[in-house]
Every structure is written in structure tokens, then in C-alpha cells.
N, C-alpha and C. Protein backbone atom coordinates (compact mmCIF):
# COMPACT_ATOMS: atom_id res chain seq x y z
N MET A 1 0.66 17.86 6.52
CA MET A 1 0.77 18.08 5.15
C MET A 1 -0.53 16.93 4.80
N THR A 2 -1.38 16.47 4.27
CA THR A 2 -1.98 15.96 3.83
C THR A 2 -1.32 15.25 2.77
N ILE A 3 -1.37 13.60 2.59
CA ILE A 3 -0.81 12.69 1.42
C ILE A 3 -1.73 13.12 0.60
N PRO A 4 -1.09 12.59 -0.77
CA PRO A 4 -1.89 13.02 -1.73
C PRO A 4 -2.21 11.44 -2.06
N VAL A 5 -3.00 11.08 -3.49
CA VAL A 5 -3.54 9.77 -3.28
C VAL A 5 -3.03 9.76 -5.16
N PHE A 6 -2.56 8.72 -5.56
CA PHE A 6 -1.53 8.66 -7.03
C PHE A 6 -3.24 8.62 -7.91
N PRO A 7 -2.58 9.54 -8.91
CA PRO A 7 -4.05 10.02 -9.83
C PRO A 7 -4.17 8.54 -10.66
N SER A 8 -5.27 8.43 -11.21
CA SER A 8 -5.66 6.92 -12.23
C SER A 8 -5.46 7.97 -13.28
N LEU A 9 -4.83 7.22 -14.50
CA LEU A 9 -4.96 8.02 -15.84
C LEU A 9 -5.15 6.77 -16.57
N PRO A 10 -5.81 7.00 -17.75
CA PRO A 10 -5.88 6.08 -18.72
C PRO A 10 -4.90 5.87 -19.74
N GLY A 11 -3.53 6.06 -19.94
CA GLY A 11 -2.60 5.64 -20.42
C GLY A 11 -2.10 4.32 -19.91
N GLU A 12 -2.45 4.09 -18.80
CA GLU A 12 -1.63 3.22 -17.86
C GLU A 12 -1.96 1.80 -19.47
N THR A 13 -0.53 1.08 -19.40
CA THR A 13 -0.46 -0.11 -20.26
C THR A 13 -0.26 -1.19 -19.33
N LEU A 14 -0.29 -2.50 -19.90
CA LEU A 14 -0.01 -3.61 -19.26
C LEU A 14 1.90 -3.69 -20.07
N PRO A 15 2.46 -4.57 -19.76
CA PRO A 15 2.19 -5.58 -18.20
C PRO A 15 2.93 -3.86 -16.99
N ALA A 16 1.70 -3.95 -16.04
CA ALA A 16 2.27 -3.10 -14.84
C ALA A 16 2.68 -4.21 -14.01
N ALA A 17 3.88 -3.96 -13.12
CA ALA A 17 4.41 -5.30 -12.58
C ALA A 17 4.45 -5.18 -10.83
N ARG A 18 4.21 -5.84 -10.29
CA ARG A 18 4.07 -5.85 -8.94
C ARG A 18 5.43 -6.71 -8.11
N SER A 19 5.78 -6.74 -7.17
CA SER A 19 7.07 -7.40 -6.98
C SER A 19 6.95 -7.34 -5.61
N VAL A 20 7.60 -8.22 -4.88
CA VAL A 20 7.28 -8.80 -3.26
C VAL A 20 8.91 -8.59 -2.92
N ILE A 21 9.16 -7.61 -1.95
CA ILE A 21 10.31 -7.39 -1.72
C ILE A 21 10.89 -7.49 -0.14
N TRP A 22 11.85 -8.42 0.41
CA TRP A 22 11.71 -9.26 1.34
C TRP A 22 13.41 -8.62 1.98
N ALA A 23 13.99 -8.51 3.00
CA ALA A 23 15.50 -8.25 3.59
C ALA A 23 15.93 -8.82 4.08
N THR A 24 16.92 -10.44 3.72
CA THR A 24 17.70 -10.60 4.20
C THR A 24 18.84 -10.97 3.76
N ASP A 25 19.47 -11.76 4.50
CA ASP A 25 20.89 -12.40 4.64
C ASP A 25 21.18 -13.76 4.94
N VAL A 26 22.10 -14.31 3.97
CA VAL A 26 22.06 -15.58 4.16
C VAL A 26 23.73 -15.71 4.59
N PRO A 27 24.27 -15.55 5.35
CA PRO A 27 25.86 -15.15 5.27
C PRO A 27 26.15 -17.11 5.57
N GLN A 28 27.51 -17.40 5.27
CA GLN A 28 28.02 -18.47 5.12
C GLN A 28 29.35 -18.58 5.79
N SER A 29 29.76 -19.92 6.59
CA SER A 29 30.67 -19.68 7.44
C SER A 29 31.93 -20.28 6.92
N VAL A 30 33.02 -20.62 7.52
CA VAL A 30 34.44 -21.12 6.28
C VAL A 30 33.75 -22.23 6.14
N GLY A 31 32.95 -23.16 7.17
CA GLY A 31 33.18 -24.67 7.19
C GLY A 31 32.01 -24.71 5.67
N GLY A 32 31.11 -23.34 5.45
CA GLY A 32 30.26 -23.81 4.52
C GLY A 32 28.79 -23.83 5.17
N LEU A 33 28.71 -23.69 6.23
CA LEU A 33 26.72 -23.72 7.34
C LEU A 33 26.75 -22.16 6.70
N THR A 34 25.05 -22.52 6.58
CA THR A 34 24.61 -21.42 6.05
C THR A 34 23.19 -20.68 6.88
N THR A 35 23.26 -19.54 7.59
CA THR A 35 22.04 -19.08 8.49
C THR A 35 21.70 -18.17 7.78
N ALA A 36 19.95 -18.41 7.80
CA ALA A 36 19.15 -17.11 7.26
C ALA A 36 19.14 -16.09 8.03
N VAL A 37 19.46 -14.83 7.84
CA VAL A 37 18.53 -14.14 9.11
C VAL A 37 17.54 -13.02 8.26
N GLY A 38 16.55 -12.62 8.24
CA GLY A 38 15.27 -11.68 8.11
C GLY A 38 15.72 -9.94 9.00
N TYR A 39 15.25 -9.30 8.14
CA TYR A 39 15.80 -7.87 8.64
C TYR A 39 14.32 -7.37 8.60
N GLN A 40 13.32 -7.87 8.32
CA GLN A 40 11.62 -6.90 8.42
C GLN A 40 11.01 -7.94 8.77
N ALA A 41 9.71 -7.72 9.41
CA ALA A 41 8.62 -8.16 10.11
C ALA A 41 7.69 -9.01 8.93
N ASP A 42 7.63 -7.60 7.85
CA ASP A 42 6.75 -7.79 6.47
C ASP A 42 7.20 -7.58 5.31
N GLU A 43 6.98 -7.80 4.85
CA GLU A 43 7.00 -7.64 3.28
C GLU A 43 7.31 -6.05 2.31
N ILE A 44 7.00 -5.96 1.87
CA ILE A 44 7.22 -4.81 1.32
C ILE A 44 7.00 -4.72 -0.40
N TYR A 45 5.99 -4.23 -0.91
CA TYR A 45 5.41 -4.16 -2.19
C TYR A 45 6.20 -2.92 -3.46
N HIS A 46 6.43 -3.65 -4.23
CA HIS A 46 7.10 -2.52 -5.58
C HIS A 46 6.42 -3.00 -6.99
N TRP A 47 5.99 -1.54 -7.28
CA TRP A 47 5.11 -1.31 -8.20
C TRP A 47 6.15 -0.66 -9.56
N GLU A 48 5.40 -0.85 -10.72
CA GLU A 48 6.30 -0.21 -11.93
C GLU A 48 5.23 -0.36 -13.32
N ILE A 49 4.61 0.81 -12.91
CA ILE A 49 3.94 0.95 -14.14
C ILE A 49 4.54 1.91 -15.66
N PRO A 50 4.03 1.13 -16.50
CA PRO A 50 4.20 1.71 -18.14
C PRO A 50 2.97 3.00 -18.56
N TYR A 51 3.37 3.71 -18.84
CA TYR A 51 2.58 4.65 -19.55
C TYR A 51 2.48 4.68 -21.25
N GLY A 52 1.67 4.20 -21.75
CA GLY A 52 2.07 4.26 -23.50
C GLY A 52 1.67 5.58 -24.11
N VAL A 53 0.64 6.02 -23.51
CA VAL A 53 0.23 7.46 -23.75
C VAL A 53 -0.17 8.36 -22.80
N LEU A 54 0.18 9.48 -23.07
CA LEU A 54 0.04 10.82 -21.74
C LEU A 54 -0.22 11.63 -22.72
N ARG A 55 -1.25 12.56 -23.12
CA ARG A 55 -2.16 13.47 -23.75
C ARG A 55 -1.58 14.58 -22.63
N ALA A 56 -1.56 15.15 -23.32
CA ALA A 56 -1.08 17.07 -23.00
C ALA A 56 -2.13 17.75 -23.27
N ALA A 57 -2.66 17.63 -24.67
CA ALA A 57 -3.37 18.25 -25.09
C ALA A 57 -4.37 19.15 -24.48
N ALA A 58 -4.92 20.29 -24.31
CA ALA A 58 -5.80 20.89 -23.10
C ALA A 58 -7.07 19.95 -22.78
N SER A 59 -7.66 19.26 -23.67
CA SER A 59 -8.76 18.90 -23.18
C SER A 59 -8.27 17.51 -22.43
N TYR A 60 -7.01 17.07 -22.43
CA TYR A 60 -7.00 15.88 -21.26
C TYR A 60 -5.84 16.27 -20.49
N ARG A 61 -4.88 16.50 -20.99
CA ARG A 61 -4.03 16.85 -19.78
C ARG A 61 -3.50 16.07 -19.19
N GLU A 62 -3.08 14.77 -19.19
CA GLU A 62 -2.77 13.53 -18.08
C GLU A 62 -1.11 13.94 -18.09
N LEU A 63 -0.34 14.57 -19.30
CA LEU A 63 0.67 14.48 -18.75
C LEU A 63 1.15 15.88 -17.80
N GLN A 64 0.60 16.59 -17.69
CA GLN A 64 0.43 17.80 -16.89
C GLN A 64 0.05 17.34 -15.14
N GLN A 65 -0.97 16.49 -15.45
CA GLN A 65 -1.60 15.49 -14.21
C GLN A 65 -0.31 14.58 -13.31
N LEU A 66 0.47 14.06 -13.94
CA LEU A 66 1.28 12.95 -14.15
C LEU A 66 2.54 13.89 -13.06
N ILE A 67 3.23 14.75 -14.40
CA ILE A 67 4.26 15.48 -14.04
C ILE A 67 4.14 16.53 -12.72
N GLY A 68 2.83 16.83 -12.79
CA GLY A 68 2.27 18.11 -11.55
C GLY A 68 2.28 17.05 -10.11
N PHE A 69 2.10 15.66 -10.42
CA PHE A 69 1.84 15.17 -8.86
C PHE A 69 3.35 14.32 -8.82
N VAL A 70 4.40 14.33 -9.56
CA VAL A 70 5.60 13.86 -9.12
C VAL A 70 6.44 15.42 -8.67
N ASN A 71 6.22 16.20 -9.35
CA ASN A 71 6.60 17.51 -8.56
C ASN A 71 6.02 17.94 -7.13
N GLY A 72 5.32 17.54 -7.29
CA GLY A 72 4.08 18.06 -5.62
C GLY A 72 5.26 17.14 -4.64
N LEU A 73 5.40 16.00 -5.18
CA LEU A 73 6.18 14.99 -4.37
C LEU A 73 7.74 15.20 -4.03
N ARG A 74 8.37 16.11 -4.60
CA ARG A 74 9.39 16.56 -5.06
C ARG A 74 10.49 15.18 -4.91
N GLY A 75 10.27 14.60 -6.02
CA GLY A 75 11.07 13.51 -6.44
C GLY A 75 10.73 12.52 -5.51
N ARG A 76 11.35 11.88 -4.76
CA ARG A 76 11.57 11.41 -3.54
C ARG A 76 11.25 11.43 -2.09
N VAL A 77 11.07 13.13 -2.11
CA VAL A 77 10.96 13.34 -0.59
C VAL A 77 9.82 12.68 0.01
N ASN A 78 8.86 12.94 -0.62
CA ASN A 78 7.38 12.90 -0.05
C ASN A 78 6.69 11.65 -0.34
N VAL A 79 5.70 10.83 0.50
CA VAL A 79 5.10 10.26 0.15
C VAL A 79 3.70 10.15 -0.16
N PHE A 80 3.21 9.26 -0.92
CA PHE A 80 1.62 9.38 -1.32
C PHE A 80 0.85 7.65 -1.42
N TYR A 81 -0.46 8.23 -1.31
CA TYR A 81 -1.10 6.89 -1.25
C TYR A 81 -1.38 6.11 -2.49
N TYR A 82 -1.28 5.00 -3.10
CA TYR A 82 -1.75 4.18 -3.93
C TYR A 82 -2.78 3.72 -3.56
N THR A 83 -3.51 3.01 -4.88
CA THR A 83 -4.99 2.19 -4.88
C THR A 83 -4.33 0.64 -5.89
N ASP A 84 -3.88 -0.33 -5.10
CA ASP A 84 -3.99 -1.10 -6.04
C ASP A 84 -4.95 -1.91 -6.47
N PRO A 85 -5.13 -1.79 -8.24
CA PRO A 85 -6.14 -2.17 -8.36
C PRO A 85 -6.61 -3.63 -7.97
N ASN A 86 -5.84 -4.46 -7.86
CA ASN A 86 -6.05 -5.77 -7.12
C ASN A 86 -5.99 -6.40 -5.64
N ASP A 87 -5.79 -5.29 -5.29
CA ASP A 87 -5.28 -5.53 -3.72
C ASP A 87 -6.05 -4.50 -3.31
N ASN A 88 -7.04 -3.57 -3.02
CA ASN A 88 -7.17 -2.41 -1.98
C ASN A 88 -8.50 -2.61 -1.27
N ALA A 89 -9.21 -4.03 -0.54
CA ALA A 89 -10.35 -3.88 -0.43
C ALA A 89 -10.50 -5.01 0.40
N VAL A 90 -11.39 -5.07 1.44
CA VAL A 90 -11.92 -6.85 1.84
C VAL A 90 -13.37 -6.52 2.55
N THR A 91 -13.68 -7.82 2.89
CA THR A 91 -14.88 -7.93 3.34
C THR A 91 -14.73 -9.24 4.18
N ASP A 92 -15.11 -8.49 5.96
CA ASP A 92 -15.17 -9.39 7.23
C ASP A 92 -13.69 -10.60 7.21
N GLU A 93 -12.66 -9.40 6.87
CA GLU A 93 -11.49 -9.85 7.04
C GLU A 93 -11.29 -9.94 8.58
N PRO A 94 -10.39 -10.98 8.58
CA PRO A 94 -10.26 -11.37 10.13
C PRO A 94 -8.81 -10.30 10.86
N PHE A 95 -8.96 -9.70 11.76
CA PHE A 95 -7.46 -9.41 12.05
C PHE A 95 -7.26 -9.40 13.67
N GLY A 96 -7.69 -10.25 14.16
CA GLY A 96 -7.25 -10.66 15.74
C GLY A 96 -8.22 -11.54 16.33
N THR A 97 -7.78 -11.88 17.45
CA THR A 97 -8.28 -12.96 18.78
C THR A 97 -9.25 -11.83 19.78
N GLY A 98 -10.05 -11.65 20.26
CA GLY A 98 -9.96 -11.03 21.76
C GLY A 98 -9.21 -11.95 22.71
N ASP A 99 -8.69 -11.38 24.04
CA ASP A 99 -7.84 -12.14 24.86
C ASP A 99 -8.95 -11.72 26.56
N GLY A 100 -9.44 -10.86 26.47
CA GLY A 100 -9.83 -9.93 27.13
C GLY A 100 -9.42 -9.07 28.08
N THR A 101 -8.10 -8.97 27.56
CA THR A 101 -6.97 -7.73 28.37
C THR A 101 -6.80 -6.62 27.13
N THR A 102 -6.48 -7.19 25.82
CA THR A 102 -5.26 -6.19 24.31
C THR A 102 -6.87 -5.38 24.08
N THR A 103 -6.52 -4.28 23.76
CA THR A 103 -7.36 -3.06 22.90
C THR A 103 -7.09 -2.70 22.14
N ASP A 104 -5.62 -2.64 21.77
CA ASP A 104 -5.67 -2.86 20.35
C ASP A 104 -4.75 -3.68 19.44
N PHE A 105 -5.69 -3.58 18.23
CA PHE A 105 -5.17 -4.67 17.06
C PHE A 105 -4.70 -3.62 16.07
N GLN A 106 -3.62 -4.53 15.23
CA GLN A 106 -3.20 -4.25 13.62
C GLN A 106 -4.22 -4.52 12.92
N LEU A 107 -4.84 -3.95 12.19
CA LEU A 107 -5.72 -3.91 11.07
C LEU A 107 -4.95 -5.05 9.81
N GLN A 108 -5.49 -6.67 9.19
CA GLN A 108 -4.65 -7.02 8.32
C GLN A 108 -5.32 -7.49 7.03
N ARG A 109 -4.48 -7.67 6.15
CA ARG A 109 -5.37 -8.46 5.27
C ARG A 109 -4.53 -9.81 4.96
N ALA A 110 -5.50 -11.13 4.69
CA ALA A 110 -4.63 -12.19 4.29
C ALA A 110 -4.55 -12.42 2.39
N TRP A 111 -3.49 -12.83 2.17
CA TRP A 111 -3.48 -13.09 1.23
C TRP A 111 -2.84 -14.64 0.24
N GLY A 112 -2.98 -15.22 -0.09
CA GLY A 112 -2.39 -16.27 -0.64
C GLY A 112 -1.57 -17.15 1.37
N GLY A 113 -2.76 -17.23 2.43
CA GLY A 113 -2.68 -18.05 3.72
C GLY A 113 -1.70 -17.12 4.17
N THR A 114 -1.41 -16.04 3.76
CA THR A 114 -0.20 -15.18 5.23
C THR A 114 -0.92 -13.98 5.30
N ALA A 115 -0.83 -13.41 6.58
CA ALA A 115 -1.61 -12.29 7.02
C ALA A 115 -0.50 -10.78 6.96
N SER A 116 -0.85 -9.70 5.74
CA SER A 116 0.14 -8.75 6.19
C SER A 116 -0.51 -7.29 6.58
N SER A 117 0.19 -6.53 7.66
CA SER A 117 -0.55 -5.43 8.12
C SER A 117 -1.23 -4.49 6.93
N ILE A 118 -2.20 -4.18 7.72
CA ILE A 118 -2.93 -2.67 7.03
C ILE A 118 -2.59 -1.42 7.61
N GLN A 119 -1.82 -0.63 6.81
CA GLN A 119 -0.77 0.58 7.67
C GLN A 119 -1.97 1.70 7.39
N SER A 120 -2.53 1.62 5.83
CA SER A 120 -3.24 3.13 5.50
C SER A 120 -4.69 2.73 5.07
N PRO A 121 -5.75 2.45 6.04
CA PRO A 121 -6.81 2.67 5.77
C PRO A 121 -7.31 3.24 5.21
N ASN A 122 -8.34 2.95 3.68
CA ASN A 122 -8.96 4.43 3.71
C ASN A 122 -10.01 4.99 3.91
N ALA A 123 -11.13 3.65 4.13
CA ALA A 123 -12.57 3.81 4.38
C ALA A 123 -13.15 2.48 5.55
N ILE A 124 -13.25 2.52 6.42
CA ILE A 124 -13.90 1.32 7.39
C ILE A 124 -15.19 1.33 7.01
N SER A 125 -15.88 0.35 6.47
CA SER A 125 -17.22 0.78 6.73
C SER A 125 -17.85 -0.51 7.78
N ALA A 126 -17.38 -1.39 8.80
CA ALA A 126 -17.74 -2.26 9.68
C ALA A 126 -16.13 -2.90 10.14
N ILE A 127 -16.47 -2.74 12.13
CA ILE A 127 -15.45 -3.40 12.36
C ILE A 127 -16.48 -4.18 12.99
N LYS A 128 -16.11 -5.64 13.33
CA LYS A 128 -17.16 -6.62 14.06
C LYS A 128 -16.43 -6.99 15.11
N VAL A 129 -16.94 -7.54 15.82
CA VAL A 129 -16.53 -8.39 17.42
C VAL A 129 -17.89 -9.61 17.51
N ASN A 130 -17.34 -11.14 17.06
CA ASN A 130 -18.12 -12.43 17.39
C ASN A 130 -19.24 -11.90 15.95
N GLY A 131 -19.35 -11.30 14.84
CA GLY A 131 -20.40 -10.58 14.00
C GLY A 131 -21.24 -9.99 14.18
N VAL A 132 -21.07 -9.63 15.20
CA VAL A 132 -21.74 -7.86 15.24
C VAL A 132 -20.86 -7.06 15.64
N ALA A 133 -21.28 -5.92 14.71
CA ALA A 133 -21.28 -4.70 14.08
C ALA A 133 -20.86 -3.47 15.74
N THR A 134 -19.81 -2.92 15.55
CA THR A 134 -19.49 -1.91 16.52
C THR A 134 -18.96 -0.76 16.20
N GLY A 135 -19.18 -0.27 16.74
CA GLY A 135 -19.02 1.85 17.09
C GLY A 135 -17.96 1.84 17.80
N ALA A 136 -17.62 1.28 19.25
CA ALA A 136 -16.85 1.57 20.09
C ALA A 136 -15.33 1.18 20.05
N TYR A 137 -14.44 1.98 18.92
CA TYR A 137 -13.50 1.56 19.05
C TYR A 137 -13.00 2.98 18.72
N THR A 138 -11.62 3.41 18.40
CA THR A 138 -11.06 4.42 17.44
C THR A 138 -10.15 4.16 16.92
N LEU A 139 -10.11 4.34 15.37
CA LEU A 139 -8.83 4.05 14.62
C LEU A 139 -7.82 5.03 14.59
N LEU A 140 -6.34 4.25 14.98
CA LEU A 140 -5.08 4.90 15.29
C LEU A 140 -4.20 5.25 13.92
N ALA A 141 -2.98 5.63 14.07
CA ALA A 141 -2.12 6.11 13.26
C ALA A 141 -1.34 4.47 13.05
N GLY A 142 -1.19 4.23 11.43
CA GLY A 142 -0.73 3.09 11.25
C GLY A 142 -1.68 2.20 11.33
N GLY A 143 -3.26 1.73 11.45
CA GLY A 143 -3.97 1.12 11.13
C GLY A 143 -4.59 0.28 12.43
N ILE A 144 -4.32 1.28 13.06
CA ILE A 144 -4.49 0.23 15.02
C ILE A 144 -5.94 0.64 15.10
N VAL A 145 -6.32 -0.67 15.76
CA VAL A 145 -7.90 -0.63 16.15
C VAL A 145 -8.22 -0.15 17.62
N GLN A 146 -8.25 0.63 18.16
CA GLN A 146 -8.39 0.77 19.62
C GLN A 146 -9.56 0.80 20.06
N PHE A 147 -9.88 -0.82 20.54
CA PHE A 147 -11.26 -0.67 21.37
C PHE A 147 -11.34 0.04 22.50
N THR A 148 -12.35 0.34 22.98
CA THR A 148 -12.73 1.41 24.31
C THR A 148 -12.89 0.26 25.30
N SER A 149 -13.69 -0.99 25.19
CA SER A 149 -13.45 -2.23 26.25
C SER A 149 -12.34 -3.01 25.24
N ALA A 150 -11.74 -4.46 26.15
CA ALA A 150 -10.50 -4.95 25.59
C ALA A 150 -12.09 -6.08 24.94
N PRO A 151 -11.84 -6.10 23.89
CA PRO A 151 -12.79 -7.53 23.44
C PRO A 151 -12.45 -9.18 23.92
N ALA A 152 -13.69 -9.71 24.56
CA ALA A 152 -13.78 -10.86 24.92
C ALA A 152 -12.96 -11.97 24.96
N ALA A 153 -12.37 -12.55 25.55
CA ALA A 153 -11.61 -13.59 25.47
C ALA A 153 -12.33 -14.70 23.86
N SER A 154 -11.62 -15.16 23.12
CA SER A 154 -11.92 -15.78 21.65
C SER A 154 -12.82 -15.24 20.84
N ALA A 155 -13.12 -13.92 21.39
CA ALA A 155 -13.71 -12.95 20.39
C ALA A 155 -13.38 -12.87 19.09
N ALA A 156 -14.15 -13.31 17.71
CA ALA A 156 -13.31 -13.10 16.56
C ALA A 156 -13.17 -11.44 15.98
N LEU A 157 -12.21 -11.05 15.95
CA LEU A 157 -12.27 -9.42 15.17
C LEU A 157 -12.40 -9.53 14.00
N THR A 158 -13.24 -8.82 12.58
CA THR A 158 -12.95 -8.71 11.67
C THR A 158 -13.48 -7.26 11.14
N TRP A 159 -13.09 -6.79 9.65
CA TRP A 159 -13.17 -5.45 9.27
C TRP A 159 -13.69 -5.93 7.80
N SER A 160 -14.21 -4.70 7.40
CA SER A 160 -14.63 -4.52 6.29
C SER A 160 -14.29 -2.94 5.82
N GLY A 161 -13.87 -2.75 4.27
CA GLY A 161 -13.31 -1.83 4.18
C GLY A 161 -11.93 -1.37 2.84
N SER A 162 -11.75 -0.29 2.89
CA SER A 162 -10.60 -0.01 1.67
C SER A 162 -9.80 0.22 2.26
N TYR A 163 -8.23 0.24 2.02
CA TYR A 163 -6.88 0.39 2.11
C TYR A 163 -6.09 1.00 0.98
N TYR A 164 -5.33 1.83 0.97
CA TYR A 164 -4.01 2.20 0.55
C TYR A 164 -2.87 1.67 0.70
N TRP A 165 -1.64 1.81 -0.14
CA TRP A 165 -0.22 1.33 0.39
C TRP A 165 0.43 2.55 0.09
N LEU A 166 0.93 2.93 0.72
CA LEU A 166 1.53 4.23 1.07
C LEU A 166 2.58 4.38 0.96
N CYS A 167 3.41 4.86 -0.29
CA CYS A 167 4.46 4.47 -1.48
C CYS A 167 5.20 5.87 -1.50
N ARG A 168 6.62 5.32 -1.78
CA ARG A 168 7.47 6.34 -2.32
C ARG A 168 8.07 6.44 -3.66
N LEU A 169 8.22 7.21 -4.27
CA LEU A 169 8.98 6.87 -5.43
C LEU A 169 10.41 6.25 -5.76
N ASP A 170 10.76 5.15 -6.67
CA ASP A 170 12.00 4.44 -6.41
C ASP A 170 13.66 6.29 -7.19
N ASP A 171 12.81 6.69 -7.97
CA ASP A 171 13.96 7.44 -8.30
C ASP A 171 13.67 9.00 -8.42
N ASP A 172 14.35 9.77 -8.23
CA ASP A 172 13.91 11.13 -8.85
C ASP A 172 13.89 11.79 -9.83
N LYS A 173 14.72 10.65 -10.96
CA LYS A 173 14.56 11.08 -12.74
C LYS A 173 13.29 10.27 -12.90
N GLN A 174 12.65 11.20 -13.73
CA GLN A 174 11.61 10.11 -14.23
C GLN A 174 11.43 10.55 -16.19
N ASP A 175 11.75 9.73 -17.14
CA ASP A 175 11.45 9.37 -18.26
C ASP A 175 10.53 9.95 -18.92
N LEU A 176 10.75 10.92 -19.99
CA LEU A 176 9.59 11.24 -21.00
C LEU A 176 9.89 10.63 -22.24
N SER A 177 9.15 10.31 -23.45
CA SER A 177 9.63 10.19 -24.83
C SER A 177 8.22 10.92 -25.35
N ARG A 178 8.81 11.61 -26.49
CA ARG A 178 7.26 12.46 -26.87
C ARG A 178 7.47 11.63 -28.30
N LEU A 179 5.93 11.24 -28.61
CA LEU A 179 5.33 9.97 -29.33
C LEU A 179 5.19 10.67 -30.55
N PHE A 180 4.15 12.09 -30.69
CA PHE A 180 3.59 12.82 -31.92
C PHE A 180 2.91 13.86 -31.16
N LEU A 181 3.16 15.45 -31.66
CA LEU A 181 3.22 16.04 -31.14
C LEU A 181 2.49 16.06 -29.76
N ASP A 182 1.47 16.35 -29.63
CA ASP A 182 1.19 16.51 -27.39
C ASP A 182 0.85 14.77 -27.43
N LYS A 183 1.34 14.39 -27.51
CA LYS A 183 1.02 12.57 -27.07
C LYS A 183 2.73 12.29 -26.26
N TYR A 184 2.42 11.79 -25.02
CA TYR A 184 4.27 10.94 -24.66
C TYR A 184 3.92 10.08 -23.82
N GLU A 185 5.18 9.43 -23.97
CA GLU A 185 4.96 8.34 -23.21
C GLU A 185 6.01 7.81 -22.07
N MET A 186 5.33 7.03 -21.14
CA MET A 186 6.60 7.11 -20.04
C MET A 186 7.17 5.67 -20.05
N LYS A 187 7.70 4.92 -19.87
CA LYS A 187 8.18 3.54 -19.90
C LYS A 187 7.53 3.35 -18.91
N SER A 188 7.82 3.52 -17.54
CA SER A 188 7.84 3.20 -16.24
C SER A 188 8.44 4.22 -14.85
N LEU A 189 7.02 4.15 -14.56
CA LEU A 189 6.81 5.07 -13.13
C LEU A 189 7.59 3.71 -11.89
N LYS A 190 8.53 3.99 -11.08
CA LYS A 190 8.55 3.41 -10.37
C LYS A 190 8.81 3.29 -8.44
N PHE A 191 7.59 2.55 -7.94
CA PHE A 191 7.64 2.88 -6.81
C PHE A 191 7.46 2.05 -5.81
N SER A 192 7.72 1.94 -4.39
CA SER A 192 7.52 1.21 -3.29
C SER A 192 7.11 1.48 -2.29
N GLN A 193 6.48 0.34 -1.58
CA GLN A 193 5.93 0.81 -0.25
C GLN A 193 6.77 1.83 0.90
N VAL A 194 6.42 1.88 1.82
CA VAL A 194 6.78 2.91 2.88
C VAL A 194 6.06 1.85 3.95
N LEU A 195 6.80 1.49 5.25
CA LEU A 195 6.63 0.95 6.62
C LEU A 195 6.43 2.16 7.06
N VAL A 196 5.20 2.04 7.94
CA VAL A 196 5.11 2.83 9.31
C VAL A 196 5.29 2.05 10.71
């Protein structure tokens, strides 16, 4: 099955919210001591998008497009790609350093001083080794770049391109309110990143 891409519709209103989620636990001993435990290696992003107006008239069909998209996913059953308008592309982004042995490297992007895995690249415009573009690689599932031969020790690896976020709806139920004749409102469509 081809993974669908979330539609871009004009009725999206502000504030659209994005959250960062970590899975941790901080158990406390009888003596009051605490130890934090992390259950995942990467953060998970969550989005909440309000639609102030979805037009259903034949010349627009925004409502039908969004509901058709949700129905095509069968609620929370299937995943989709989302293009975050503020976090979807990089230019000459570091994603590793060669050691002369390793051939597989995970695509990454840095944000606020930390690097996150990019598991759903959309289009790669360049892979560079020490600033020189190369085509001697294969892009594997999950955003893994496999070089034909291991990059030399200390070789800087960078990439340029765009990426999606693999997501799943948070709820099976989507609430719509009729505003006027053929205009509807969806207070929020909630979905979260899925790690692969």
C-alpha cells in the first residue's frame, strides 16, 4: 500500500499546536530517592490542527477531501505522511562521520542543538562526503543511507533534501460542526508521529 500524504487545505486556522513527547518514568523509593528511566531513544512529535472553515460546495470540496482522507486511513488503522510547514527540509545537514568501516548511516536533522532521526525522507537532492556530492549510496527503509564503500575515517557526511513525518491519527472520531449551509468547522485534528 502506498502511504498517503496529508492534504494541504486552506481552512487551517491558528493556533496549530505541535508538542514533543517523551516516555519516561520516575519511580520513588521508600526512602524518597528517585531515578529517571527513559523508554525511547527519540522524541515523538504530536500535532493538533484546527480547521476554522471547510467548504463543502462543489467548487471547493475541502470537507470531502479531508473526510475522504480520514476514511481512507480507516481511522487509526493506517499511517500517513505529514509535511510540517516549519520542519521539513535541510541543506548540508550533518548526519555522520566516516570511520573507514561503517557503510550505513541514519539521516538526521539538528534542531535546537540536538539531532533527531529522519526516518521518512521525501526527496534527497544531495549526499556529500567531505563536501563532495556522491551517488554511490542506496537509500534504505527508515532513512538509512548505505554507502557502496565505507566513507574514510573523519569524513564529514551531509545531506540536503526534504522529509515527511510518518504519523497516525490519535482518535477514530473526528468532530465536525456545521457553520452555515456548506461550511463546516473541525475544532482539531490530532495526530502523532510513528517511529519505525
